[in-house]
Amino acid sequence: MEDVLFTVKETAKLFKCNGSFIYSLIKNGHLKALKLGQYKIPKYEIDDFLKRYIGKDFSDLSNVRDLDFNSIERSAEICQ
C-alpha cells in the first residue's frame, strides 16, 4: 500500500530540508497538516504544495515571492 500520510521528518526528507523548516511551513499556512499524535501531512497536500509554489522563493516565509532567476544567473557566472 502506498503511503498516504507523511510525518514531518519524512516530509523534510522528501523536500531535502530540515524538520524545523517543515514546521515553519505548517505554522505559516503554506503546508496543511493534521495532528494524529504528531503532525501528519497528506500526500495530496505535498503534491499540491509543489504544484502551487513551483518557482517561488521561500527564504522569507512571511514574504514568499517569485524566484529571481537573474540572481541565479549571476551566481552561476561567479562560480565559473
PDB file of N, CA and C in Angstrom:
ATOM      1  N   MET A   1       0.839  -1.198   0.000  1.00  0.00           N
ATOM      2  CA  MET A   1       0.000   0.000   0.000  1.00  0.00           C
ATOM      3  C   MET A   1       0.881   1.258   0.000  1.00  0.00           C
ATOM      4  N   GLU A   2       0.510   2.198  -0.818  1.00  0.00           N
ATOM      5  CA  GLU A   2       1.251   3.455  -0.924  1.00  0.00           C
ATOM      6  C   GLU A   2       1.019   4.313   0.315  1.00  0.00           C
ATOM      7  N   ASP A   3       2.076   4.982   0.793  1.00  0.00           N
ATOM      8  CA  ASP A   3       1.939   5.884   1.937  1.00  0.00           C
ATOM      9  C   ASP A   3       1.002   7.036   1.577  1.00  0.00           C
ATOM     10  N   VAL A   4       0.074   7.309   2.460  1.00  0.00           N
ATOM     11  CA  VAL A   4      -0.883   8.391   2.260  1.00  0.00           C
ATOM     12  C   VAL A   4      -0.560   9.565   3.174  1.00  0.00           C
ATOM     13  N   LEU A   5      -0.011   9.271   4.358  1.00  0.00           N
ATOM     14  CA  LEU A   5       0.353  10.300   5.328  1.00  0.00           C
ATOM     15  C   LEU A   5       1.842  10.237   5.607  1.00  0.00           C
ATOM     16  N   PHE A   6       2.455  11.404   5.708  1.00  0.00           N
ATOM     17  CA  PHE A   6       3.881  11.504   5.992  1.00  0.00           C
ATOM     18  C   PHE A   6       4.094  12.295   7.274  1.00  0.00           C
ATOM     19  N   THR A   7       5.059  11.877   8.075  1.00  0.00           N
ATOM     20  CA  THR A   7       5.440  12.639   9.262  1.00  0.00           C
ATOM     21  C   THR A   7       6.220  13.876   8.818  1.00  0.00           C
ATOM     22  N   VAL A   8       6.471  14.760   9.755  1.00  0.00           N
ATOM     23  CA  VAL A   8       7.292  15.944   9.450  1.00  0.00           C
ATOM     24  C   VAL A   8       8.681  15.502   8.998  1.00  0.00           C
ATOM     25  N   LYS A   9       9.239  14.515   9.687  1.00  0.00           N
ATOM     26  CA  LYS A   9      10.575  14.021   9.341  1.00  0.00           C
ATOM     27  C   LYS A   9      10.601  13.434   7.930  1.00  0.00           C
ATOM     28  N   GLU A  10       9.584  12.656   7.581  1.00  0.00           N
ATOM     29  CA  GLU A  10       9.514  12.079   6.234  1.00  0.00           C
ATOM     30  C   GLU A  10       9.326  13.159   5.180  1.00  0.00           C
ATOM     31  N   THR A  11       8.499  14.154   5.492  1.00  0.00           N
ATOM     32  CA  THR A  11       8.276  15.262   4.562  1.00  0.00           C
ATOM     33  C   THR A  11       9.561  16.059   4.363  1.00  0.00           C
ATOM     34  N   ALA A  12      10.281  16.287   5.445  1.00  0.00           N
ATOM     35  CA  ALA A  12      11.559  17.007   5.352  1.00  0.00           C
ATOM     36  C   ALA A  12      12.531  16.245   4.459  1.00  0.00           C
ATOM     37  N   LYS A  13      12.538  14.948   4.570  1.00  0.00           N
ATOM     38  CA  LYS A  13      13.429  14.132   3.723  1.00  0.00           C
ATOM     39  C   LYS A  13      13.018  14.262   2.255  1.00  0.00           C
ATOM     40  N   LEU A  14      11.715  14.234   1.983  1.00  0.00           N
ATOM     41  CA  LEU A  14      11.234  14.410   0.613  1.00  0.00           C
ATOM     42  C   LEU A  14      11.613  15.780   0.058  1.00  0.00           C
ATOM     43  N   PHE A  15      11.500  16.815   0.898  1.00  0.00           N
ATOM     44  CA  PHE A  15      11.787  18.184   0.482  1.00  0.00           C
ATOM     45  C   PHE A  15      13.271  18.524   0.554  1.00  0.00           C
ATOM     46  N   LYS A  16      14.072  17.595   1.090  1.00  0.00           N
ATOM     47  CA  LYS A  16      15.517  17.799   1.251  1.00  0.00           C
ATOM     48  C   LYS A  16      15.812  19.054   2.087  1.00  0.00           C
ATOM     49  N   CYS A  17      15.124  19.134   3.236  1.00  0.00           N
ATOM     50  CA  CYS A  17      15.340  20.235   4.171  1.00  0.00           C
ATOM     51  C   CYS A  17      15.226  19.665   5.584  1.00  0.00           C
ATOM     52  N   ASN A  18      15.239  20.516   6.584  1.00  0.00           N
ATOM     53  CA  ASN A  18      15.136  20.005   7.959  1.00  0.00           C
ATOM     54  C   ASN A  18      13.696  20.112   8.472  1.00  0.00           C
ATOM     55  N   GLY A  19      13.432  19.377   9.542  1.00  0.00           N
ATOM     56  CA  GLY A  19      12.091  19.329  10.106  1.00  0.00           C
ATOM     57  C   GLY A  19      11.576  20.667  10.591  1.00  0.00           C
ATOM     58  N   SER A  20      12.465  21.501  11.126  1.00  0.00           N
ATOM     59  CA  SER A  20      12.010  22.800  11.631  1.00  0.00           C
ATOM     60  C   SER A  20      11.478  23.676  10.496  1.00  0.00           C
ATOM     61  N   PHE A  21      12.018  23.516   9.295  1.00  0.00           N
ATOM     62  CA  PHE A  21      11.501  24.275   8.157  1.00  0.00           C
ATOM     63  C   PHE A  21      10.093  23.792   7.797  1.00  0.00           C
ATOM     64  N   ILE A  22       9.849  22.493   7.883  1.00  0.00           N
ATOM     65  CA  ILE A  22       8.515  21.954   7.604  1.00  0.00           C
ATOM     66  C   ILE A  22       7.523  22.487   8.639  1.00  0.00           C
ATOM     67  N   TYR A  23       7.922  22.489   9.925  1.00  0.00           N
ATOM     68  CA  TYR A  23       7.059  23.072  10.960  1.00  0.00           C
ATOM     69  C   TYR A  23       6.757  24.531  10.653  1.00  0.00           C
ATOM     70  N   SER A  24       7.734  25.270  10.170  1.00  0.00           N
ATOM     71  CA  SER A  24       7.522  26.680   9.818  1.00  0.00           C
ATOM     72  C   SER A  24       6.551  26.820   8.650  1.00  0.00           C
ATOM     73  N   LEU A  25       6.657  25.942   7.670  1.00  0.00           N
ATOM     74  CA  LEU A  25       5.718  25.966   6.539  1.00  0.00           C
ATOM     75  C   LEU A  25       4.294  25.730   7.030  1.00  0.00           C
ATOM     76  N   ILE A  26       4.141  24.783   7.974  1.00  0.00           N
ATOM     77  CA  ILE A  26       2.824  24.489   8.541  1.00  0.00           C
ATOM     78  C   ILE A  26       2.324  25.686   9.340  1.00  0.00           C
ATOM     79  N   LYS A  27       3.176  26.212  10.219  1.00  0.00           N
ATOM     80  CA  LYS A  27       2.793  27.343  11.085  1.00  0.00           C
ATOM     81  C   LYS A  27       2.368  28.567  10.281  1.00  0.00           C
ATOM     82  N   ASN A  28       3.059  28.807   9.159  1.00  0.00           N
ATOM     83  CA  ASN A  28       2.768  29.973   8.328  1.00  0.00           C
ATOM     84  C   ASN A  28       1.658  29.726   7.302  1.00  0.00           C
ATOM     85  N   GLY A  29       1.059  28.527   7.336  1.00  0.00           N
ATOM     86  CA  GLY A  29      -0.078  28.238   6.460  1.00  0.00           C
ATOM     87  C   GLY A  29       0.260  27.856   5.038  1.00  0.00           C
ATOM     88  N   HIS A  30       1.517  27.608   4.751  1.00  0.00           N
ATOM     89  CA  HIS A  30       1.911  27.235   3.393  1.00  0.00           C
ATOM     90  C   HIS A  30       1.709  25.745   3.119  1.00  0.00           C
ATOM     91  N   LEU A  31       1.764  24.940   4.161  1.00  0.00           N
ATOM     92  CA  LEU A  31       1.608  23.490   4.046  1.00  0.00           C
ATOM     93  C   LEU A  31       0.584  23.056   5.090  1.00  0.00           C
ATOM     94  N   LYS A  32      -0.445  22.357   4.640  1.00  0.00           N
ATOM     95  CA  LYS A  32      -1.506  21.926   5.556  1.00  0.00           C
ATOM     96  C   LYS A  32      -1.174  20.563   6.137  1.00  0.00           C
ATOM     97  N   ALA A  33      -1.513  20.392   7.410  1.00  0.00           N
ATOM     98  CA  ALA A  33      -1.237  19.144   8.116  1.00  0.00           C
ATOM     99  C   ALA A  33      -2.390  18.845   9.054  1.00  0.00           C
ATOM    100  N   LEU A  34      -2.383  17.643   9.601  1.00  0.00           N
ATOM    101  CA  LEU A  34      -3.307  17.297  10.656  1.00  0.00           C
ATOM    102  C   LEU A  34      -2.513  16.681  11.789  1.00  0.00           C
ATOM    103  N   LYS A  35      -3.089  16.690  12.973  1.00  0.00           N
ATOM    104  CA  LYS A  35      -2.358  16.172  14.121  1.00  0.00           C
ATOM    105  C   LYS A  35      -3.008  14.881  14.592  1.00  0.00           C
ATOM    106  N   LEU A  36      -2.282  13.805  14.458  1.00  0.00           N
ATOM    107  CA  LEU A  36      -2.690  12.483  14.926  1.00  0.00           C
ATOM    108  C   LEU A  36      -1.570  11.996  15.832  1.00  0.00           C
ATOM    109  N   GLY A  37      -1.533  12.508  17.045  1.00  0.00           N
ATOM    110  CA  GLY A  37      -0.394  12.253  17.928  1.00  0.00           C
ATOM    111  C   GLY A  37       0.723  13.229  17.607  1.00  0.00           C
ATOM    112  N   GLN A  38       1.188  13.183  16.383  1.00  0.00           N
ATOM    113  CA  GLN A  38       2.154  14.158  15.857  1.00  0.00           C
ATOM    114  C   GLN A  38       1.637  14.620  14.502  1.00  0.00           C
ATOM    115  N   TYR A  39       2.229  15.680  13.970  1.00  0.00           N
ATOM    116  CA  TYR A  39       1.754  16.208  12.696  1.00  0.00           C
ATOM    117  C   TYR A  39       1.965  15.191  11.587  1.00  0.00           C
ATOM    118  N   LYS A  40       0.940  15.096  10.724  1.00  0.00           N
ATOM    119  CA  LYS A  40       0.994  14.259   9.525  1.00  0.00           C
ATOM    120  C   LYS A  40       0.600  15.132   8.341  1.00  0.00           C
ATOM    121  N   ILE A  41       1.284  14.934   7.230  1.00  0.00           N
ATOM    122  CA  ILE A  41       0.994  15.689   6.024  1.00  0.00           C
ATOM    123  C   ILE A  41       0.498  14.702   4.977  1.00  0.00           C
ATOM    124  N   PRO A  42      -0.717  14.899   4.465  1.00  0.00           N
ATOM    125  CA  PRO A  42      -1.236  14.004   3.435  1.00  0.00           C
ATOM    126  C   PRO A  42      -0.431  14.131   2.132  1.00  0.00           C
ATOM    127  N   LYS A  43      -0.290  13.029   1.425  1.00  0.00           N
ATOM    128  CA  LYS A  43       0.460  13.019   0.164  1.00  0.00           C
ATOM    129  C   LYS A  43      -0.111  14.035  -0.823  1.00  0.00           C
ATOM    130  N   TYR A  44      -1.463  14.103  -0.899  1.00  0.00           N
ATOM    131  CA  TYR A  44      -2.056  15.047  -1.842  1.00  0.00           C
ATOM    132  C   TYR A  44      -1.695  16.487  -1.500  1.00  0.00           C
ATOM    133  N   GLU A  45      -1.489  16.794  -0.211  1.00  0.00           N
ATOM    134  CA  GLU A  45      -1.106  18.155   0.188  1.00  0.00           C
ATOM    135  C   GLU A  45       0.330  18.459  -0.237  1.00  0.00           C
ATOM    136  N   ILE A  46       1.208  17.444  -0.138  1.00  0.00           N
ATOM    137  CA  ILE A  46       2.589  17.612  -0.600  1.00  0.00           C
ATOM    138  C   ILE A  46       2.599  17.866  -2.104  1.00  0.00           C
ATOM    139  N   ASP A  47       1.836  17.055  -2.846  1.00  0.00           N
ATOM    140  CA  ASP A  47       1.759  17.236  -4.307  1.00  0.00           C
ATOM    141  C   ASP A  47       1.199  18.611  -4.654  1.00  0.00           C
ATOM    142  N   ASP A  48       0.150  19.021  -3.945  1.00  0.00           N
ATOM    143  CA  ASP A  48      -0.477  20.317  -4.198  1.00  0.00           C
ATOM    144  C   ASP A  48       0.482  21.462  -3.864  1.00  0.00           C
ATOM    145  N   PHE A  49       1.209  21.337  -2.747  1.00  0.00           N
ATOM    146  CA  PHE A  49       2.188  22.353  -2.355  1.00  0.00           C
ATOM    147  C   PHE A  49       3.221  22.560  -3.476  1.00  0.00           C
ATOM    148  N   LEU A  50       3.735  21.453  -4.000  1.00  0.00           N
ATOM    149  CA  LEU A  50       4.753  21.544  -5.052  1.00  0.00           C
ATOM    150  C   LEU A  50       4.193  22.183  -6.316  1.00  0.00           C
ATOM    151  N   LYS A  51       2.966  21.871  -6.674  1.00  0.00           N
ATOM    152  CA  LYS A  51       2.342  22.479  -7.856  1.00  0.00           C
ATOM    153  C   LYS A  51       2.067  23.961  -7.629  1.00  0.00           C
ATOM    154  N   ARG A  52       1.562  24.289  -6.435  1.00  0.00           N
ATOM    155  CA  ARG A  52       1.170  25.661  -6.101  1.00  0.00           C
ATOM    156  C   ARG A  52       2.362  26.611  -6.043  1.00  0.00           C
ATOM    157  N   TYR A  53       3.474  26.119  -5.522  1.00  0.00           N
ATOM    158  CA  TYR A  53       4.588  27.019  -5.216  1.00  0.00           C
ATOM    159  C   TYR A  53       5.822  26.821  -6.081  1.00  0.00           C
ATOM    160  N   ILE A  54       5.692  26.096  -7.179  1.00  0.00           N
ATOM    161  CA  ILE A  54       6.848  25.945  -8.067  1.00  0.00           C
ATOM    162  C   ILE A  54       7.282  27.340  -8.551  1.00  0.00           C
ATOM    163  N   GLY A  55       8.569  27.605  -8.529  1.00  0.00           N
ATOM    164  CA  GLY A  55       9.090  28.895  -8.961  1.00  0.00           C
ATOM    165  C   GLY A  55       9.050  29.976  -7.896  1.00  0.00           C
ATOM    166  N   LYS A  56       8.824  29.591  -6.630  1.00  0.00           N
ATOM    167  CA  LYS A  56       8.745  30.572  -5.546  1.00  0.00           C
ATOM    168  C   LYS A  56       9.980  30.496  -4.659  1.00  0.00           C
ATOM    169  N   ASP A  57      10.298  31.592  -4.026  1.00  0.00           N
ATOM    170  CA  ASP A  57      11.430  31.718  -3.106  1.00  0.00           C
ATOM    171  C   ASP A  57      10.895  31.725  -1.683  1.00  0.00           C
ATOM    172  N   PHE A  58      11.272  30.706  -0.893  1.00  0.00           N
ATOM    173  CA  PHE A  58      10.808  30.575   0.481  1.00  0.00           C
ATOM    174  C   PHE A  58      11.870  30.999   1.493  1.00  0.00           C
ATOM    175  N   SER A  59      12.807  31.841   1.097  1.00  0.00           N
ATOM    176  CA  SER A  59      13.833  32.316   2.024  1.00  0.00           C
ATOM    177  C   SER A  59      13.231  33.084   3.195  1.00  0.00           C
ATOM    178  N   ASP A  60      12.152  33.794   2.936  1.00  0.00           N
ATOM    179  CA  ASP A  60      11.436  34.554   3.969  1.00  0.00           C
ATOM    180  C   ASP A  60       9.981  34.110   3.915  1.00  0.00           C
ATOM    181  N   LEU A  61       9.555  33.286   4.882  1.00  0.00           N
ATOM    182  CA  LEU A  61       8.218  32.700   4.839  1.00  0.00           C
ATOM    183  C   LEU A  61       7.099  33.723   4.961  1.00  0.00           C
ATOM    184  N   SER A  62       7.384  34.895   5.489  1.00  0.00           N
ATOM    185  CA  SER A  62       6.355  35.933   5.572  1.00  0.00           C
ATOM    186  C   SER A  62       6.295  36.765   4.296  1.00  0.00           C
ATOM    187  N   ASN A  63       7.213  36.491   3.372  1.00  0.00           N
ATOM    188  CA  ASN A  63       7.252  37.221   2.107  1.00  0.00           C
ATOM    189  C   ASN A  63       7.679  36.271   0.980  1.00  0.00           C
ATOM    190  N   VAL A  64       6.845  35.265   0.709  1.00  0.00           N
ATOM    191  CA  VAL A  64       7.132  34.313  -0.370  1.00  0.00           C
ATOM    192  C   VAL A  64       6.934  35.042  -1.683  1.00  0.00           C
ATOM    193  N   ARG A  65       7.909  34.941  -2.551  1.00  0.00           N
ATOM    194  CA  ARG A  65       7.838  35.668  -3.822  1.00  0.00           C
ATOM    195  C   ARG A  65       8.392  34.815  -4.945  1.00  0.00           C
ATOM    196  N   ASP A  66       8.277  35.310  -6.157  1.00  0.00           N
ATOM    197  CA  ASP A  66       8.805  34.599  -7.312  1.00  0.00           C
ATOM    198  C   ASP A  66      10.322  34.531  -7.221  1.00  0.00           C
ATOM    199  N   LEU A  67      10.875  33.421  -7.713  1.00  0.00           N
ATOM    200  CA  LEU A  67      12.329  33.293  -7.762  1.00  0.00           C
ATOM    201  C   LEU A  67      12.905  34.370  -8.663  1.00  0.00           C
ATOM    202  N   ASP A  68      14.043  34.882  -8.291  1.00  0.00           N
ATOM    203  CA  ASP A  68      14.758  35.865  -9.100  1.00  0.00           C
ATOM    204  C   ASP A  68      15.797  35.108  -9.916  1.00  0.00           C
ATOM    205  N   PHE A  69      15.445  34.755 -11.144  1.00  0.00           N
ATOM    206  CA  PHE A  69      16.342  33.958 -11.973  1.00  0.00           C
ATOM    207  C   PHE A  69      17.575  34.744 -12.401  1.00  0.00           C
ATOM    208  N   ASN A  70      17.506  36.081 -12.354  1.00  0.00           N
ATOM    209  CA  ASN A  70      18.686  36.884 -12.673  1.00  0.00           C
ATOM    210  C   ASN A  70      19.789  36.661 -11.643  1.00  0.00           C
ATOM    211  N   SER A  71      19.431  36.547 -10.366  1.00  0.00           N
ATOM    212  CA  SER A  71      20.442  36.325  -9.342  1.00  0.00           C
ATOM    213  C   SER A  71      21.034  34.931  -9.468  1.00  0.00           C
ATOM    214  N   ILE A  72      20.255  33.970  -9.953  1.00  0.00           N
ATOM    215  CA  ILE A  72      20.778  32.615 -10.178  1.00  0.00           C
ATOM    216  C   ILE A  72      21.821  32.662 -11.296  1.00  0.00           C
ATOM    217  N   GLU A  73      21.533  33.413 -12.357  1.00  0.00           N
ATOM    218  CA  GLU A  73      22.478  33.535 -13.457  1.00  0.00           C
ATOM    219  C   GLU A  73      23.762  34.200 -12.982  1.00  0.00           C
ATOM    220  N   ARG A  74      23.644  35.246 -12.147  1.00  0.00           N
ATOM    221  CA  ARG A  74      24.839  35.937 -11.636  1.00  0.00           C
ATOM    222  C   ARG A  74      25.654  34.981 -10.764  1.00  0.00           C
ATOM    223  N   SER A  75      24.997  34.181  -9.946  1.00  0.00           N
ATOM    224  CA  SER A  75      25.709  33.219  -9.092  1.00  0.00           C
ATOM    225  C   SER A  75      26.423  32.188  -9.945  1.00  0.00           C
ATOM    226  N   ALA A  76      25.797  31.748 -11.022  1.00  0.00           N
ATOM    227  CA  ALA A  76      26.418  30.762 -11.887  1.00  0.00           C
ATOM    228  C   ALA A  76      27.662  31.351 -12.560  1.00  0.00           C
ATOM    229  N   GLU A  77      27.588  32.630 -12.949  1.00  0.00           N
ATOM    230  CA  GLU A  77      28.733  33.285 -13.584  1.00  0.00           C
ATOM    231  C   GLU A  77      29.896  33.394 -12.601  1.00  0.00           C
ATOM    232  N   ILE A  78      29.611  33.678 -11.340  1.00  0.00           N
ATOM    233  CA  ILE A  78      30.651  33.805 -10.321  1.00  0.00           C
ATOM    234  C   ILE A  78      31.333  32.477 -10.110  1.00  0.00           C
ATOM    235  N   CYS A  79      30.577  31.379 -10.166  1.00  0.00           N
ATOM    236  CA  CYS A  79      31.130  30.038  -9.887  1.00  0.00           C
ATOM    237  C   CYS A  79      31.975  29.508 -11.043  1.00  0.00           C
ATOM    238  N   GLN A  80      31.889  30.095 -12.210  1.00  0.00           N
ATOM    239  CA  GLN A  80      32.639  29.560 -13.355  1.00  0.00           C
ATOM    240  C   GLN A  80      34.066  29.957 -13.339  1.00  0.00           C
TER     241      GLN A  80
END
